[in-house]
Structures are given as structure tokens and as C-alpha cells.
Amino acid sequence: MSKIRCVDLYQPSGIPFIDDYVFSKQYPYELLPSLKDYVTQLVEEGIEGYTLWKEGVLIGKEVKIAPTSTIIGPCVIGNHVEIRPGAYIRGSVIIGDESVVGNSSELKNSILMRHCQVPHYNYVGDSILGNYAHMGAGSILSNLRSDNHSVIIHNDGIDIPTGIRKIGSFLGDHADIGCGAVLNPGTIIGQNTQVYPLTMCRGVYGPDLIVKSTNEMVIKRKEN
């Protein structure tokens, strides 16, 4: 289980209120149940340099918010973030500095660390995206099993029951999800791993891989 710990997936973002929370638990799925309370606390207590944009929504400096986006609190939006037209942010969300939430993308109960990109028709529910994680157009982080039971994380033949009904995915730093890919509930993508377009992922994928299909992957070549 070592490769699914928060410390294996993420490096510190340099944003104190994100790092304090993300590294407060051993495993990332343990962060989801209390996320709403934490974001609510941040909004109520305030963060130095942040402004209450509207009820329940705290924003940093030089934030661009399209008038056709919808943002429901509690929500914290970091510095130099861009929220593009049609974005739908529906509560319990932290968006780290320099991130982009784009056209018709939907977020709920999730953390985007630093410089994350969810720019085109993406769904991010009950998930944590590491620094510089990127989602291609139309890629989806599914967060609910078809049988409505709690999510089980499948890791090298070991089933890890979480006891949590809604869990999306955990993308490590610099993870790159191809266009149209669908990640099943409880999927974990390691640091620097790339998922091919239109791929269905289930389970745990380690760092520095190219995922060509559900069960086909190769190790990335190291550049000289």
C-alpha cells in the first residue's frame, strides 16, 4: 500500500492551507469525508490576502472568473486562477494557485493543488489532483459505483475497502489524463504517469508509466 500514500503521490504545493490538509492523513481517500468542514472553516476564518467574493467563496489575487460560470460555496480559489465560461463548481472545493477550470467542467468535493488544468468538459468529483496534473478534453473522474456500494481500491490484487460511498480519483503530481478517458471510482494515478486517450482505468497505476489501455502499460523512457 506504500505507493498510494499522500506522500507518494504529492509534493508540497507551497500553499500552506492546502499542504496542511493534504498531508494530515496517510491516504488521500481519508481526506474526503471532512473536506467540506475544512473548506467551510477556511472561508469563515479567512486567509490572509484572500477576499470574500460572495457568500461562501473566498478568492485570492488576480483571479479571472467568467460571468457565465457558476460557483457555489464553500469554495476557496487561489491566486492567478482562471475560471472559464460554463464552469460549474458546486461546493467543498479548493483550487490551488495558477489552476484552470474550463469550459463546462464540473467540480465538487475536491482539491486541485498547484497549476492543475481541467480545461474542457471534465468531471472531477470527490478527487484530489496533484501539482501540474492535467485532464484532457472530456476526461472523467467517476465517483459512484453502479451498485451504489462503498468504493473499494484495487491495488496489486489487494482490495482496500474505504467505507466511503463516493470517491473519484487521486492524480499524482504531473499526471496527464488523455482526452475521453474514464477513471473508475477509487482509481489512483502515480506521479508523472500518462494515460492514453479513451482509456478506461481501474485500480492503482504507479509512477512514471504510460497507460495504453486498462491493463497495458510501459515504463516511460528517461530523457538523457
C-alpha atoms as a PDB file:
ATOM      1  CA  MET A   1       0.000   0.000   0.000  1.00  0.00           C
ATOM      2  CA  SER A   2       3.019   2.304   0.163  1.00  0.00           C
ATOM      3  CA  LYS A   3       2.565   3.724  -3.333  1.00  0.00           C
ATOM      4  CA  ILE A   4      -0.906   5.084  -2.597  1.00  0.00           C
ATOM      5  CA  ARG A   5       0.045   7.306   0.333  1.00  0.00           C
ATOM      6  CA  CYS A   6      -0.300  11.068   0.066  1.00  0.00           C
ATOM      7  CA  VAL A   7       3.479  11.455   0.381  1.00  0.00           C
ATOM      8  CA  ASP A   8       3.982   9.137  -2.609  1.00  0.00           C
ATOM      9  CA  LEU A   9       1.526  10.980  -4.829  1.00  0.00           C
ATOM     10  CA  TYR A  10       2.140  14.615  -3.970  1.00  0.00           C
ATOM     11  CA  GLN A  11       4.963  17.030  -3.264  1.00  0.00           C
ATOM     12  CA  PRO A  12       4.178  20.116  -1.168  1.00  0.00           C
ATOM     13  CA  SER A  13       2.465  22.779  -3.265  1.00  0.00           C
ATOM     14  CA  GLY A  14       3.865  25.664  -1.242  1.00  0.00           C
ATOM     15  CA  ILE A  15       0.305  26.722  -0.396  1.00  0.00           C
ATOM     16  CA  PRO A  16       0.101  26.277   3.393  1.00  0.00           C
ATOM     17  CA  PHE A  17      -3.639  25.681   3.779  1.00  0.00           C
ATOM     18  CA  ILE A  18      -3.556  23.009   1.054  1.00  0.00           C
ATOM     19  CA  ASP A  19      -0.406  21.267   2.252  1.00  0.00           C
ATOM     20  CA  ASP A  20      -1.519  21.276   5.892  1.00  0.00           C
ATOM     21  CA  TYR A  21      -4.672  19.400   4.926  1.00  0.00           C
ATOM     22  CA  VAL A  22      -3.366  17.062   2.222  1.00  0.00           C
ATOM     23  CA  PHE A  23      -0.544  15.766   4.395  1.00  0.00           C
ATOM     24  CA  SER A  24      -2.657  15.489   7.543  1.00  0.00           C
ATOM     25  CA  LYS A  25      -3.697  11.940   6.572  1.00  0.00           C
ATOM     26  CA  GLN A  26      -1.781   8.924   5.356  1.00  0.00           C
ATOM     27  CA  TYR A  27      -4.058   8.004   2.452  1.00  0.00           C
ATOM     28  CA  PRO A  28      -5.817  10.500   0.180  1.00  0.00           C
ATOM     29  CA  TYR A  29      -9.267   8.956   0.404  1.00  0.00           C
ATOM     30  CA  GLU A  30      -9.206   9.690   4.143  1.00  0.00           C
ATOM     31  CA  LEU A  31      -9.300  13.414   3.327  1.00  0.00           C
ATOM     32  CA  LEU A  32     -12.669  13.389   1.567  1.00  0.00           C
ATOM     33  CA  PRO A  33     -15.199  12.993   4.421  1.00  0.00           C
ATOM     34  CA  SER A  34     -14.008  16.094   6.308  1.00  0.00           C
ATOM     35  CA  LEU A  35     -13.237  18.293   3.307  1.00  0.00           C
ATOM     36  CA  LYS A  36     -16.485  20.276   3.451  1.00  0.00           C
ATOM     37  CA  ASP A  37     -15.901  21.161   7.092  1.00  0.00           C
ATOM     38  CA  TYR A  38     -12.329  22.212   6.351  1.00  0.00           C
ATOM     39  CA  VAL A  39     -13.275  24.453   3.423  1.00  0.00           C
ATOM     40  CA  THR A  40     -16.094  25.971   5.466  1.00  0.00           C
ATOM     41  CA  GLN A  41     -13.621  26.739   8.252  1.00  0.00           C
ATOM     42  CA  LEU A  42     -11.219  28.415   5.814  1.00  0.00           C
ATOM     43  CA  VAL A  43     -13.991  30.619   4.458  1.00  0.00           C
ATOM     44  CA  GLU A  44     -15.297  31.566   7.888  1.00  0.00           C
ATOM     45  CA  GLU A  45     -11.875  32.324   9.384  1.00  0.00           C
ATOM     46  CA  GLY A  46     -10.439  33.919   6.247  1.00  0.00           C
ATOM     47  CA  ILE A  47      -7.000  33.598   4.671  1.00  0.00           C
ATOM     48  CA  GLU A  48      -4.504  36.449   4.582  1.00  0.00           C
ATOM     49  CA  GLY A  49      -4.533  38.095   1.151  1.00  0.00           C
ATOM     50  CA  TYR A  50      -7.854  36.499   0.158  1.00  0.00           C
ATOM     51  CA  THR A  51     -11.177  38.271  -0.398  1.00  0.00           C
ATOM     52  CA  LEU A  52     -14.745  37.119   0.165  1.00  0.00           C
ATOM     53  CA  TRP A  53     -16.016  37.263  -3.417  1.00  0.00           C
ATOM     54  CA  LYS A  54     -19.535  36.251  -2.460  1.00  0.00           C
ATOM     55  CA  GLU A  55     -21.119  34.267   0.357  1.00  0.00           C
ATOM     56  CA  GLY A  56     -19.113  31.095   0.908  1.00  0.00           C
ATOM     57  CA  VAL A  57     -16.493  31.824  -1.770  1.00  0.00           C
ATOM     58  CA  LEU A  58     -13.023  33.076  -0.905  1.00  0.00           C
ATOM     59  CA  ILE A  59     -10.667  34.130  -3.710  1.00  0.00           C
ATOM     60  CA  GLY A  60      -7.013  35.102  -3.978  1.00  0.00           C
ATOM     61  CA  LYS A  61      -5.339  37.724  -6.131  1.00  0.00           C
ATOM     62  CA  GLU A  62      -5.668  38.172  -9.894  1.00  0.00           C
ATOM     63  CA  VAL A  63      -8.424  35.588 -10.296  1.00  0.00           C
ATOM     64  CA  LYS A  64     -10.359  35.550 -13.579  1.00  0.00           C
ATOM     65  CA  ILE A  65     -13.958  34.371 -13.236  1.00  0.00           C
ATOM     66  CA  ALA A  66     -16.180  34.256 -16.315  1.00  0.00           C
ATOM     67  CA  PRO A  67     -19.662  35.697 -15.704  1.00  0.00           C
ATOM     68  CA  THR A  68     -21.267  32.550 -17.121  1.00  0.00           C
ATOM     69  CA  SER A  69     -19.591  30.259 -14.582  1.00  0.00           C
ATOM     70  CA  THR A  70     -21.438  29.001 -11.502  1.00  0.00           C
ATOM     71  CA  ILE A  71     -19.629  28.837  -8.157  1.00  0.00           C
ATOM     72  CA  ILE A  72     -21.350  27.548  -5.015  1.00  0.00           C
ATOM     73  CA  GLY A  73     -19.657  27.642  -1.637  1.00  0.00           C
ATOM     74  CA  PRO A  74     -17.919  26.628   0.398  1.00  0.00           C
ATOM     75  CA  CYS A  75     -15.059  27.186  -2.009  1.00  0.00           C
ATOM     76  CA  VAL A  76     -11.545  28.617  -1.925  1.00  0.00           C
ATOM     77  CA  ILE A  77      -9.963  29.779  -5.185  1.00  0.00           C
ATOM     78  CA  GLY A  78      -6.242  30.508  -5.172  1.00  0.00           C
ATOM     79  CA  ASN A  79      -4.121  33.205  -6.783  1.00  0.00           C
ATOM     80  CA  HIS A  80      -3.911  33.567 -10.570  1.00  0.00           C
ATOM     81  CA  VAL A  81      -6.682  31.018 -11.148  1.00  0.00           C
ATOM     82  CA  GLU A  82      -8.865  31.152 -14.262  1.00  0.00           C
ATOM     83  CA  ILE A  83     -12.497  30.009 -14.154  1.00  0.00           C
ATOM     84  CA  ARG A  84     -13.727  29.878 -17.742  1.00  0.00           C
ATOM     85  CA  PRO A  85     -17.250  30.150 -19.228  1.00  0.00           C
ATOM     86  CA  GLY A  86     -19.696  27.441 -18.228  1.00  0.00           C
ATOM     87  CA  ALA A  87     -17.610  26.045 -15.372  1.00  0.00           C
ATOM     88  CA  TYR A  88     -19.709  24.599 -12.538  1.00  0.00           C
ATOM     89  CA  ILE A  89     -18.150  24.455  -9.074  1.00  0.00           C
ATOM     90  CA  ARG A  90     -20.682  23.110  -6.619  1.00  0.00           C
ATOM     91  CA  GLY A  91     -19.164  23.242  -3.194  1.00  0.00           C
ATOM     92  CA  SER A  92     -16.452  21.839  -0.926  1.00  0.00           C
ATOM     93  CA  VAL A  93     -13.709  22.691  -3.416  1.00  0.00           C
ATOM     94  CA  ILE A  94     -10.205  24.108  -3.044  1.00  0.00           C
ATOM     95  CA  ILE A  95      -8.471  25.300  -6.215  1.00  0.00           C
ATOM     96  CA  GLY A  96      -4.752  25.972  -5.887  1.00  0.00           C
ATOM     97  CA  ASP A  97      -2.754  28.774  -7.470  1.00  0.00           C
ATOM     98  CA  GLU A  98      -2.329  29.018 -11.268  1.00  0.00           C
ATOM     99  CA  SER A  99      -5.007  26.396 -11.961  1.00  0.00           C
ATOM    100  CA  VAL A 100      -7.582  26.427 -14.761  1.00  0.00           C
ATOM    101  CA  VAL A 101     -11.192  25.238 -14.588  1.00  0.00           C
ATOM    102  CA  GLY A 102     -12.551  25.388 -18.077  1.00  0.00           C
ATOM    103  CA  ASN A 103     -15.493  25.217 -20.393  1.00  0.00           C
ATOM    104  CA  SER A 104     -18.347  23.122 -18.954  1.00  0.00           C
ATOM    105  CA  SER A 105     -16.094  21.436 -16.391  1.00  0.00           C
ATOM    106  CA  GLU A 106     -17.723  20.416 -13.110  1.00  0.00           C
ATOM    107  CA  LEU A 107     -16.052  20.122  -9.700  1.00  0.00           C
ATOM    108  CA  LYS A 108     -17.373  19.003  -6.322  1.00  0.00           C
ATOM    109  CA  ASN A 109     -15.770  17.966  -3.016  1.00  0.00           C
ATOM    110  CA  SER A 110     -12.271  18.060  -4.497  1.00  0.00           C
ATOM    111  CA  ILE A 111      -8.828  19.618  -4.147  1.00  0.00           C
ATOM    112  CA  LEU A 112      -6.754  20.914  -7.028  1.00  0.00           C
ATOM    113  CA  MET A 113      -3.238  21.596  -5.835  1.00  0.00           C
ATOM    114  CA  ARG A 114      -0.970  23.983  -7.769  1.00  0.00           C
ATOM    115  CA  HIS A 115      -1.164  24.575 -11.540  1.00  0.00           C
ATOM    116  CA  CYS A 116      -3.847  21.942 -12.247  1.00  0.00           C
ATOM    117  CA  GLN A 117      -5.707  22.021 -15.547  1.00  0.00           C
ATOM    118  CA  VAL A 118      -9.266  20.771 -16.046  1.00  0.00           C
ATOM    119  CA  PRO A 119      -9.983  22.922 -19.081  1.00  0.00           C
ATOM    120  CA  HIS A 120     -12.579  21.211 -21.312  1.00  0.00           C
ATOM    121  CA  TYR A 121     -15.725  19.230 -20.429  1.00  0.00           C
ATOM    122  CA  ASN A 122     -14.229  17.468 -17.410  1.00  0.00           C
ATOM    123  CA  TYR A 123     -15.924  15.998 -14.339  1.00  0.00           C
ATOM    124  CA  VAL A 124     -13.967  15.994 -11.082  1.00  0.00           C
ATOM    125  CA  GLY A 125     -15.904  14.620  -8.121  1.00  0.00           C
ATOM    126  CA  ASP A 126     -14.514  13.606  -4.725  1.00  0.00           C
ATOM    127  CA  SER A 127     -10.964  13.686  -6.046  1.00  0.00           C
ATOM    128  CA  ILE A 128      -7.536  15.187  -5.394  1.00  0.00           C
ATOM    129  CA  LEU A 129      -5.360  16.401  -8.259  1.00  0.00           C
ATOM    130  CA  GLY A 130      -1.661  16.873  -7.617  1.00  0.00           C
ATOM    131  CA  ASN A 131       0.572  19.695  -8.754  1.00  0.00           C
ATOM    132  CA  TYR A 132       0.609  20.178 -12.527  1.00  0.00           C
ATOM    133  CA  ALA A 133      -1.952  17.422 -13.081  1.00  0.00           C
ATOM    134  CA  HIS A 134      -3.739  17.748 -16.406  1.00  0.00           C
ATOM    135  CA  MET A 135      -7.001  16.348 -17.739  1.00  0.00           C
ATOM    136  CA  GLY A 136      -7.572  16.185 -21.483  1.00  0.00           C
ATOM    137  CA  ALA A 137     -10.855  17.248 -23.061  1.00  0.00           C
ATOM    138  CA  GLY A 138     -13.803  15.121 -21.989  1.00  0.00           C
ATOM    139  CA  SER A 139     -11.925  13.016 -19.435  1.00  0.00           C
ATOM    140  CA  ILE A 140     -13.981  11.969 -16.427  1.00  0.00           C
ATOM    141  CA  LEU A 141     -13.200  11.049 -12.821  1.00  0.00           C
ATOM    142  CA  SER A 142     -16.202   8.881 -11.971  1.00  0.00           C
ATOM    143  CA  ASN A 143     -17.077   8.884  -8.280  1.00  0.00           C
ATOM    144  CA  LEU A 144     -20.005   6.495  -7.783  1.00  0.00           C
ATOM    145  CA  ARG A 145     -20.192   2.743  -8.281  1.00  0.00           C
ATOM    146  CA  SER A 146     -23.070   1.436 -10.385  1.00  0.00           C
ATOM    147  CA  ASP A 147     -24.262  -0.693  -7.440  1.00  0.00           C
ATOM    148  CA  ASN A 148     -24.123   2.317  -5.080  1.00  0.00           C
ATOM    149  CA  HIS A 149     -21.911   0.448  -2.597  1.00  0.00           C
ATOM    150  CA  SER A 150     -18.852   1.951  -0.920  1.00  0.00           C
ATOM    151  CA  VAL A 151     -15.748   2.222  -3.067  1.00  0.00           C
ATOM    152  CA  ILE A 152     -13.017  -0.422  -2.971  1.00  0.00           C
ATOM    153  CA  ILE A 153      -9.491   0.444  -4.134  1.00  0.00           C
ATOM    154  CA  HIS A 154      -7.889  -2.411  -6.061  1.00  0.00           C
ATOM    155  CA  ASN A 155      -4.122  -2.438  -5.521  1.00  0.00           C
ATOM    156  CA  ASP A 156      -1.948  -5.303  -6.835  1.00  0.00           C
ATOM    157  CA  GLY A 157      -4.504  -7.958  -6.004  1.00  0.00           C
ATOM    158  CA  ILE A 158      -5.356  -6.441  -2.632  1.00  0.00           C
ATOM    159  CA  ASP A 159      -8.823  -4.957  -2.157  1.00  0.00           C
ATOM    160  CA  ILE A 160      -8.861  -1.957   0.162  1.00  0.00           C
ATOM    161  CA  PRO A 161     -12.356  -1.196   1.493  1.00  0.00           C
ATOM    162  CA  THR A 162     -12.761   2.513   2.149  1.00  0.00           C
ATOM    163  CA  GLY A 163     -16.231   2.571   3.649  1.00  0.00           C
ATOM    164  CA  ILE A 164     -16.883   5.708   1.577  1.00  0.00           C
ATOM    165  CA  ARG A 165     -19.720   5.743  -0.938  1.00  0.00           C
ATOM    166  CA  LYS A 166     -18.337   8.456  -3.219  1.00  0.00           C
ATOM    167  CA  ILE A 167     -14.677   8.507  -4.221  1.00  0.00           C
ATOM    168  CA  GLY A 168     -13.325   9.745  -7.522  1.00  0.00           C
ATOM    169  CA  SER A 169      -9.629   9.529  -8.391  1.00  0.00           C
ATOM    170  CA  PHE A 170      -6.320  10.656  -6.983  1.00  0.00           C
ATOM    171  CA  LEU A 171      -3.926  12.021  -9.601  1.00  0.00           C
ATOM    172  CA  GLY A 172      -0.291  12.350  -8.576  1.00  0.00           C
ATOM    173  CA  ASP A 173       1.867  15.332  -9.474  1.00  0.00           C
ATOM    174  CA  HIS A 174       2.275  15.795 -13.243  1.00  0.00           C
ATOM    175  CA  ALA A 175      -0.250  13.046 -14.043  1.00  0.00           C
ATOM    176  CA  ASP A 176      -1.702  13.511 -17.526  1.00  0.00           C
ATOM    177  CA  ILE A 177      -5.091  12.043 -18.444  1.00  0.00           C
ATOM    178  CA  GLY A 178      -5.824  11.739 -22.159  1.00  0.00           C
ATOM    179  CA  CYS A 179      -8.919  13.022 -23.922  1.00  0.00           C
ATOM    180  CA  GLY A 180     -12.060  10.978 -23.342  1.00  0.00           C
ATOM    181  CA  ALA A 181     -10.501   8.725 -20.693  1.00  0.00           C
ATOM    182  CA  VAL A 182     -12.718   7.494 -17.855  1.00  0.00           C
ATOM    183  CA  LEU A 183     -11.270   6.695 -14.447  1.00  0.00           C
ATOM    184  CA  ASN A 184     -13.466   4.433 -12.343  1.00  0.00           C
ATOM    185  CA  PRO A 185     -14.131   5.212  -8.663  1.00  0.00           C
ATOM    186  CA  GLY A 186     -11.056   4.742  -6.492  1.00  0.00           C
ATOM    187  CA  THR A 187      -8.507   4.922  -9.303  1.00  0.00           C
ATOM    188  CA  ILE A 188      -5.039   6.188  -8.382  1.00  0.00           C
ATOM    189  CA  ILE A 189      -2.596   7.529 -10.976  1.00  0.00           C
ATOM    190  CA  GLY A 190       1.020   7.883  -9.858  1.00  0.00           C
ATOM    191  CA  GLN A 191       3.332  10.822 -10.349  1.00  0.00           C
ATOM    192  CA  ASN A 192       4.367  11.573 -13.943  1.00  0.00           C
ATOM    193  CA  THR A 193       2.110   8.856 -15.348  1.00  0.00           C
ATOM    194  CA  GLN A 194       0.352   9.448 -18.660  1.00  0.00           C
ATOM    195  CA  VAL A 195      -2.961   7.826 -19.625  1.00  0.00           C
ATOM    196  CA  TYR A 196      -3.759   7.381 -23.310  1.00  0.00           C
ATOM    197  CA  PRO A 197      -6.954   8.924 -24.726  1.00  0.00           C
ATOM    198  CA  LEU A 198     -10.181   6.878 -24.495  1.00  0.00           C
ATOM    199  CA  THR A 199      -8.696   4.570 -21.865  1.00  0.00           C
ATOM    200  CA  MET A 200     -10.763   3.111 -19.025  1.00  0.00           C
ATOM    201  CA  CYS A 201      -8.736   2.920 -15.803  1.00  0.00           C
ATOM    202  CA  ARG A 202      -9.453   0.912 -12.666  1.00  0.00           C
ATOM    203  CA  GLY A 203      -7.163   0.349  -9.703  1.00  0.00           C
ATOM    204  CA  VAL A 204      -3.713   1.713  -8.906  1.00  0.00           C
ATOM    205  CA  TYR A 205      -1.167   2.766 -11.517  1.00  0.00           C
ATOM    206  CA  GLY A 206       2.348   3.521 -10.340  1.00  0.00           C
ATOM    207  CA  PRO A 207       4.601   6.470 -11.192  1.00  0.00           C
ATOM    208  CA  ASP A 208       6.414   7.144 -14.470  1.00  0.00           C
ATOM    209  CA  LEU A 209       4.191   4.964 -16.654  1.00  0.00           C
ATOM    210  CA  ILE A 210       2.407   5.260 -19.972  1.00  0.00           C
ATOM    211  CA  VAL A 211      -1.001   3.590 -19.633  1.00  0.00           C
ATOM    212  CA  LYS A 212      -2.046   2.401 -23.107  1.00  0.00           C
ATOM    213  CA  SER A 213      -5.160   0.503 -22.030  1.00  0.00           C
ATOM    214  CA  THR A 214      -6.734  -0.750 -18.804  1.00  0.00           C
ATOM    215  CA  ASN A 215      -4.112  -3.432 -18.217  1.00  0.00           C
ATOM    216  CA  GLU A 216      -1.366  -2.454 -20.666  1.00  0.00           C
ATOM    217  CA  MET A 217       1.355  -0.061 -19.577  1.00  0.00           C
ATOM    218  CA  VAL A 218       5.012   0.630 -20.175  1.00  0.00           C
ATOM    219  CA  ILE A 219       7.653   2.470 -18.200  1.00  0.00           C
ATOM    220  CA  LYS A 220       8.446   5.914 -19.538  1.00  0.00           C
ATOM    221  CA  ARG A 221      11.835   6.322 -21.130  1.00  0.00           C
ATOM    222  CA  LYS A 222      14.077   8.681 -19.231  1.00  0.00           C
ATOM    223  CA  GLU A 223      15.376  11.593 -21.237  1.00  0.00           C
ATOM    224  CA  ASN A 224      19.153  11.910 -21.467  1.00  0.00           C
END
